[in-house]
C-alpha atoms as a PDB file:
ATOM      1  CA  MET A   1     -75.150-171.711 107.390  1.00  0.00           C
ATOM      2  CA  LYS A   2     -73.796-169.859 104.857  1.00  0.00           C
ATOM      3  CA  LYS A   3     -72.269-167.122 107.067  1.00  0.00           C
ATOM      4  CA  ILE A   4     -70.416-169.577 109.410  1.00  0.00           C
ATOM      5  CA  THR A   5     -69.169-171.157 106.027  1.00  0.00           C
ATOM      6  CA  LEU A   6     -67.862-168.099 104.067  1.00  0.00           C
ATOM      7  CA  SER A   7     -66.310-166.713 107.436  1.00  0.00           C
ATOM      8  CA  LEU A   8     -64.418-170.255 107.750  1.00  0.00           C
ATOM      9  CA  ILE A   9     -63.847-169.932 104.306  1.00  0.00           C
ATOM     10  CA  SER A  10     -62.709-166.211 104.576  1.00  0.00           C
ATOM     11  CA  LEU A  11     -60.835-167.248 108.235  1.00  0.00           C
ATOM     12  CA  GLY A  12     -58.671-170.080 106.212  1.00  0.00           C
ATOM     13  CA  ILE A  13     -57.662-167.703 103.430  1.00  0.00           C
ATOM     14  CA  LEU A  14     -56.773-164.705 105.911  1.00  0.00           C
ATOM     15  CA  VAL A  15     -54.511-167.671 107.866  1.00  0.00           C
ATOM     16  CA  THR A  16     -53.363-168.768 104.620  1.00  0.00           C
ATOM     17  CA  PHE A  17     -52.157-164.764 103.646  1.00  0.00           C
ATOM     18  CA  THR A  18     -50.665-164.163 106.757  1.00  0.00           C
ATOM     19  CA  TYR A  19     -48.127-166.898 107.005  1.00  0.00           C
ATOM     20  CA  GLY A  20     -47.463-167.166 103.169  1.00  0.00           C
ATOM     21  CA  LYS A  21     -45.467-163.487 104.209  1.00  0.00           C
ATOM     22  CA  ASN A  22     -44.373-165.423 107.188  1.00  0.00           C
ATOM     23  CA  VAL A  23     -41.819-168.216 105.197  1.00  0.00           C
ATOM     24  CA  PRO A  24     -38.281-168.140 105.774  1.00  0.00           C
ATOM     25  CA  VAL A  25     -37.755-167.142 102.303  1.00  0.00           C
ATOM     26  CA  SER A  26     -34.139-165.837 102.078  1.00  0.00           C
ATOM     27  CA  LYS A  27     -33.064-168.816 103.676  1.00  0.00           C
ATOM     28  CA  VAL A  28     -34.095-170.791 100.672  1.00  0.00           C
ATOM     29  CA  ASN A  29     -33.322-167.941  98.030  1.00  0.00           C
ATOM     30  CA  GLU A  30     -29.455-168.223  99.660  1.00  0.00           C
ATOM     31  CA  ARG A  31     -29.588-172.409  99.324  1.00  0.00           C
ATOM     32  CA  ASN A  32     -30.404-171.632  95.836  1.00  0.00           C
ATOM     33  CA  GLN A  33     -27.930-169.107  95.341  1.00  0.00           C
ATOM     34  CA  LEU A  34     -24.723-171.549  97.111  1.00  0.00           C
ATOM     35  CA  SER A  35     -25.799-174.354  94.308  1.00  0.00           C
ATOM     36  CA  GLN A  36     -25.978-171.903  91.345  1.00  0.00           C
ATOM     37  CA  GLU A  37     -22.250-170.674  92.471  1.00  0.00           C
ATOM     38  CA  LYS A  38     -21.383-174.062  93.014  1.00  0.00           C
ATOM     39  CA  ARG A  39     -22.629-175.220  89.504  1.00  0.00           C
ATOM     40  CA  LEU A  40     -20.432-172.240  87.998  1.00  0.00           C
ATOM     41  CA  ALA A  41     -18.020-173.237  89.731  1.00  0.00           C
ATOM     42  CA  GLU A  42     -17.776-176.529  88.068  1.00  0.00           C
ATOM     43  CA  ALA A  43     -18.593-175.003  85.156  1.00  0.00           C
ATOM     44  CA  PRO A  44     -15.012-175.135  83.625  1.00  0.00           C
ATOM     45  CA  GLU A  45     -14.192-178.721  84.464  1.00  0.00           C
ATOM     46  CA  ILE A  46     -17.431-179.751  82.830  1.00  0.00           C
ATOM     47  CA  ALA A  47     -16.745-177.848  79.664  1.00  0.00           C
ATOM     48  CA  SER A  48     -13.259-179.779  79.154  1.00  0.00           C
ATOM     49  CA  ARG A  49     -14.570-182.952  79.854  1.00  0.00           C
ATOM     50  CA  MET A  50     -17.175-182.355  77.425  1.00  0.00           C
ATOM     51  CA  LYS A  51     -14.946-180.880  74.766  1.00  0.00           C
ATOM     52  CA  GLU A  52     -12.885-184.254  75.846  1.00  0.00           C
ATOM     53  CA  PHE A  53     -15.961-186.705  75.613  1.00  0.00           C
ATOM     54  CA  VAL A  54     -16.702-184.778  71.802  1.00  0.00           C
ATOM     55  CA  GLU A  55     -13.430-185.181  70.565  1.00  0.00           C
ATOM     56  CA  ILE A  56     -13.374-188.892  71.814  1.00  0.00           C
ATOM     57  CA  GLN A  57     -16.347-189.050  69.764  1.00  0.00           C
ATOM     58  CA  LYS A  58     -15.364-188.497  66.699  1.00  0.00           C
ATOM     59  CA  LYS A  59     -12.153-189.869  66.311  1.00  0.00           C
ATOM     60  CA  MET A  60     -13.865-192.952  66.976  1.00  0.00           C
ATOM     61  CA  PHE A  61     -16.579-192.031  64.525  1.00  0.00           C
ATOM     62  CA  ASP A  62     -13.628-190.958  61.813  1.00  0.00           C
ATOM     63  CA  ILE A  63     -12.229-194.970  62.632  1.00  0.00           C
ATOM     64  CA  GLU A  64     -15.835-196.741  62.531  1.00  0.00           C
ATOM     65  CA  ARG A  65     -16.199-194.650  58.969  1.00  0.00           C
ATOM     66  CA  ASN A  66     -12.806-195.659  57.468  1.00  0.00           C
ATOM     67  CA  ALA A  67     -13.528-198.894  58.491  1.00  0.00           C
ATOM     68  CA  ILE A  68     -16.913-198.722  56.958  1.00  0.00           C
ATOM     69  CA  GLN A  69     -14.957-197.525  53.274  1.00  0.00           C
ATOM     70  CA  GLN A  70     -12.226-200.581  53.326  1.00  0.00           C
ATOM     71  CA  ASP A  71     -15.165-203.540  54.177  1.00  0.00           C
ATOM     72  CA  GLN A  72     -17.876-203.978  51.819  1.00  0.00           C
ATOM     73  CA  GLU A  73     -20.166-205.901  53.821  1.00  0.00           C
ATOM     74  CA  LEU A  74     -19.760-203.335  56.027  1.00  0.00           C
ATOM     75  CA  LYS A  75     -20.792-200.872  53.266  1.00  0.00           C
ATOM     76  CA  GLN A  76     -23.596-202.826  52.017  1.00  0.00           C
ATOM     77  CA  MET A  77     -25.088-202.584  55.946  1.00  0.00           C
ATOM     78  CA  ALA A  78     -24.287-199.115  56.683  1.00  0.00           C
ATOM     79  CA  GLU A  79     -26.125-197.970  52.824  1.00  0.00           C
ATOM     80  CA  GLN A  80     -29.268-200.891  53.857  1.00  0.00           C
ATOM     81  CA  ILE A  81     -29.468-198.982  57.579  1.00  0.00           C
ATOM     82  CA  ARG A  82     -29.325-195.320  55.614  1.00  0.00           C
ATOM     83  CA  GLN A  83     -31.981-196.426  53.440  1.00  0.00           C
ATOM     84  CA  LEU A  84     -34.582-198.160  56.265  1.00  0.00           C
ATOM     85  CA  GLN A  85     -33.655-194.687  57.758  1.00  0.00           C
ATOM     86  CA  GLN A  86     -34.890-192.416  55.512  1.00  0.00           C
ATOM     87  CA  GLN A  87     -37.612-194.607  55.190  1.00  0.00           C
ATOM     88  CA  LEU A  88     -38.353-194.443  58.325  1.00  0.00           C
ATOM     89  CA  ARG A  89     -38.121-190.522  58.685  1.00  0.00           C
ATOM     90  CA  GLU A  90     -40.345-189.895  55.521  1.00  0.00           C
ATOM     91  CA  ARG A  91     -43.509-192.309  57.253  1.00  0.00           C
ATOM     92  CA  ILE A  92     -42.939-190.128  60.780  1.00  0.00           C
ATOM     93  CA  GLU A  93     -43.698-186.769  58.731  1.00  0.00           C
ATOM     94  CA  GLU A  94     -46.065-188.027  57.258  1.00  0.00           C
ATOM     95  CA  ARG A  95     -47.974-189.561  59.940  1.00  0.00           C
ATOM     96  CA  LEU A  96     -47.575-186.253  61.900  1.00  0.00           C
ATOM     97  CA  LYS A  97     -48.445-183.992  59.500  1.00  0.00           C
ATOM     98  CA  SER A  98     -51.680-183.761  61.478  1.00  0.00           C
ATOM     99  CA  ASN A  99     -50.180-183.159  64.716  1.00  0.00           C
ATOM    100  CA  ASP A 100     -50.219-179.631  65.745  1.00  0.00           C
ATOM    101  CA  GLU A 101     -47.304-179.452  68.467  1.00  0.00           C
ATOM    102  CA  TYR A 102     -45.072-181.521  66.466  1.00  0.00           C
ATOM    103  CA  GLN A 103     -44.880-179.036  63.926  1.00  0.00           C
ATOM    104  CA  SER A 104     -45.115-176.213  66.147  1.00  0.00           C
ATOM    105  CA  LEU A 105     -41.818-178.179  67.639  1.00  0.00           C
ATOM    106  CA  LYS A 106     -40.593-178.820  63.951  1.00  0.00           C
ATOM    107  CA  GLN A 107     -40.614-175.361  63.246  1.00  0.00           C
ATOM    108  CA  ARG A 108     -39.277-173.508  65.773  1.00  0.00           C
ATOM    109  CA  ARG A 109     -36.027-176.278  65.776  1.00  0.00           C
ATOM    110  CA  ASP A 110     -35.265-175.038  62.521  1.00  0.00           C
ATOM    111  CA  ARG A 111     -35.543-171.578  63.158  1.00  0.00           C
ATOM    112  CA  ILE A 112     -33.109-171.673  66.273  1.00  0.00           C
ATOM    113  CA  LYS A 113     -31.229-174.094  63.719  1.00  0.00           C
ATOM    114  CA  GLN A 114     -31.107-171.642  61.103  1.00  0.00           C
ATOM    115  CA  GLU A 115     -30.012-169.014  63.321  1.00  0.00           C
ATOM    116  CA  TYR A 116     -27.059-170.916  64.357  1.00  0.00           C
ATOM    117  CA  ARG A 117     -25.994-171.322  60.748  1.00  0.00           C
ATOM    118  CA  LYS A 118     -26.353-167.589  60.382  1.00  0.00           C
ATOM    119  CA  ILE A 119     -23.842-167.056  63.680  1.00  0.00           C
ATOM    120  CA  ASP A 120     -21.687-169.495  62.908  1.00  0.00           C
ATOM    121  CA  VAL A 121     -21.143-168.085  59.449  1.00  0.00           C
ATOM    122  CA  LYS A 122     -20.719-164.960  61.189  1.00  0.00           C
ATOM    123  CA  LYS A 123     -18.210-166.529  63.193  1.00  0.00           C
ATOM    124  CA  SER A 124     -15.902-168.968  60.272  1.00  0.00           C
ATOM    125  CA  ASP A 125     -15.990-165.003  58.396  1.00  0.00           C
ATOM    126  CA  GLU A 126     -14.534-163.759  61.306  1.00  0.00           C
ATOM    127  CA  ILE A 127     -12.202-166.186  61.738  1.00  0.00           C
ATOM    128  CA  ARG A 128     -11.108-165.964  58.351  1.00  0.00           C
ATOM    129  CA  ARG A 129     -10.271-161.908  58.835  1.00  0.00           C
ATOM    130  CA  PHE A 130      -7.951-162.818  62.187  1.00  0.00           C
ATOM    131  CA  GLU A 131      -6.450-165.491  60.371  1.00  0.00           C
ATOM    132  CA  LYS A 132      -5.017-162.875  56.947  1.00  0.00           C
ATOM    133  CA  LYS A 133      -4.186-160.539  59.885  1.00  0.00           C
END
């Protein structure tokens, strides 16, 4: 019985291994490559739309900020919201102090943030040097 079972398992592994070699991987790779090329061709259009989106968001935020500064009631509400968000953040941080996954993700995020700040500072220095010339 053991010999029959082992021979069937061996036969199954052999058939799977043999069939795996004959799978037409090239067609799958070609489809993936075509879809990647299509995405790259659309990238400038998407980038320009995202840039437009960010500019619209910034203008809307500026208008909202001005409206809040001019209206005392909105100013008080905004301050209350800010305080509540700060309390929420503090409580979340307190509860997640012992969560290893959260803490490691937080550390990774902070490292990436610092790297981008360094890059941004370098960029702005390069831009200043270029503008002075």
